[in-house]
Amino acid sequence: MFNKLFNKLRRRFKRGGQIDAEAIMKRADICMQEKKLFLRKDLSIHDLCVEIGTNRTYLSLSIKSRGVNFYDYINRYRVNYFYSL
């Protein structure tokens, strides 16, 4: 059911040009790197939305455009941080 809804939303946003996934992800990446939000164990998608100034649907679709979900996105930062120690 989620995939069906996701695909419907993705088609709608692509058609209308209402979402700029690349710009949203750029803001998210900058925020993650500068503020190191990924170190918070209770980080939620809502928290990241507030930080970058977008809504949950746009952020979720933008993250999905990279082929991962929110938790995979956050965990990549955590793993890379661990390796850099």
Protein backbone atom coordinates (compact mmCIF):
# COMPACT_ATOMS: atom_id res chain seq x y z
CA MET A 1 0.00 0.00 0.00
CA PHE A 2 2.80 2.44 0.87
CA ASN A 3 4.54 1.84 -2.47
CA LYS A 4 1.30 2.49 -4.31
CA LEU A 5 0.81 5.79 -2.48
CA PHE A 6 4.47 6.72 -2.92
CA ASN A 7 4.35 6.12 -6.67
CA LYS A 8 1.14 8.14 -6.96
CA LEU A 9 2.69 11.06 -5.10
CA ARG A 10 5.92 10.81 -7.07
CA ARG A 11 4.03 10.98 -10.37
CA ARG A 12 1.98 13.92 -9.14
CA PHE A 13 5.02 15.88 -8.01
CA LYS A 14 7.00 15.08 -11.14
CA ARG A 15 4.15 16.24 -13.37
CA GLY A 16 3.54 19.44 -11.48
CA GLY A 17 7.19 20.21 -10.88
CA GLN A 18 6.27 20.93 -7.28
CA ILE A 19 9.21 19.20 -5.65
CA ASP A 20 12.90 19.84 -6.17
CA ALA A 21 14.35 16.71 -4.58
CA GLU A 22 17.90 17.73 -5.36
CA ALA A 23 17.58 21.09 -3.57
CA ILE A 24 15.88 19.50 -0.56
CA MET A 25 18.58 16.84 -0.29
CA LYS A 26 21.31 19.46 -0.64
CA ARG A 27 19.82 21.33 2.33
CA ALA A 28 19.49 18.07 4.27
CA ASP A 29 23.09 17.06 3.53
CA ILE A 30 24.44 20.45 4.58
CA CYS A 31 22.40 20.36 7.77
CA MET A 32 23.55 16.83 8.59
CA GLN A 33 27.20 17.71 8.01
CA GLU A 34 27.22 21.03 9.85
CA LYS A 35 24.95 20.24 12.79
CA LYS A 36 25.72 16.50 12.99
CA LEU A 37 22.07 15.71 13.65
CA PHE A 38 22.75 12.04 12.91
CA LEU A 39 24.43 11.76 16.31
CA ARG A 40 21.06 12.19 18.00
CA LYS A 41 19.70 8.71 18.69
CA ASP A 42 16.11 9.99 18.72
CA LEU A 43 16.33 11.90 15.43
CA SER A 44 13.06 11.74 13.51
CA ILE A 45 12.10 12.75 10.01
CA HIS A 46 10.03 15.53 11.56
CA ASP A 47 13.12 16.93 13.31
CA LEU A 48 15.03 17.05 10.04
CA CYS A 49 12.07 18.66 8.27
CA VAL A 50 11.99 21.45 10.84
CA GLU A 51 15.74 22.01 10.47
CA ILE A 52 15.68 22.32 6.67
CA GLY A 53 12.31 24.02 6.33
CA THR A 54 10.28 21.52 4.35
CA ASN A 55 7.47 19.09 5.05
CA ARG A 56 7.59 15.37 5.71
CA THR A 57 6.18 14.34 2.33
CA TYR A 58 8.70 16.36 0.32
CA LEU A 59 11.62 15.16 2.43
CA SER A 60 10.50 11.55 2.28
CA LEU A 61 10.10 11.67 -1.50
CA SER A 62 13.48 13.36 -1.85
CA ILE A 63 15.21 10.71 0.24
CA LYS A 64 13.44 7.97 -1.70
CA SER A 65 14.78 9.52 -4.93
CA ARG A 66 18.22 8.40 -3.69
CA GLY A 67 16.96 4.84 -3.33
CA VAL A 68 16.98 4.70 0.47
CA ASN A 69 14.59 5.33 3.32
CA PHE A 70 15.04 7.87 6.13
CA TYR A 71 16.76 5.47 8.51
CA ASP A 72 19.19 4.24 5.86
CA TYR A 73 19.99 7.86 4.99
CA ILE A 74 20.75 8.70 8.65
CA ASN A 75 22.69 5.47 9.22
CA ARG A 76 24.99 6.19 6.28
CA TYR A 77 26.06 9.36 8.05
CA ARG A 78 26.56 7.44 11.28
CA VAL A 79 28.69 4.75 9.64
CA ASN A 80 30.81 7.31 7.78
CA TYR A 81 31.31 9.25 11.02
CA PHE A 82 32.39 6.08 12.81
CA TYR A 83 34.95 5.31 10.11
CA SER A 84 36.34 8.83 10.32
CA LEU A 85 37.13 8.49 14.04
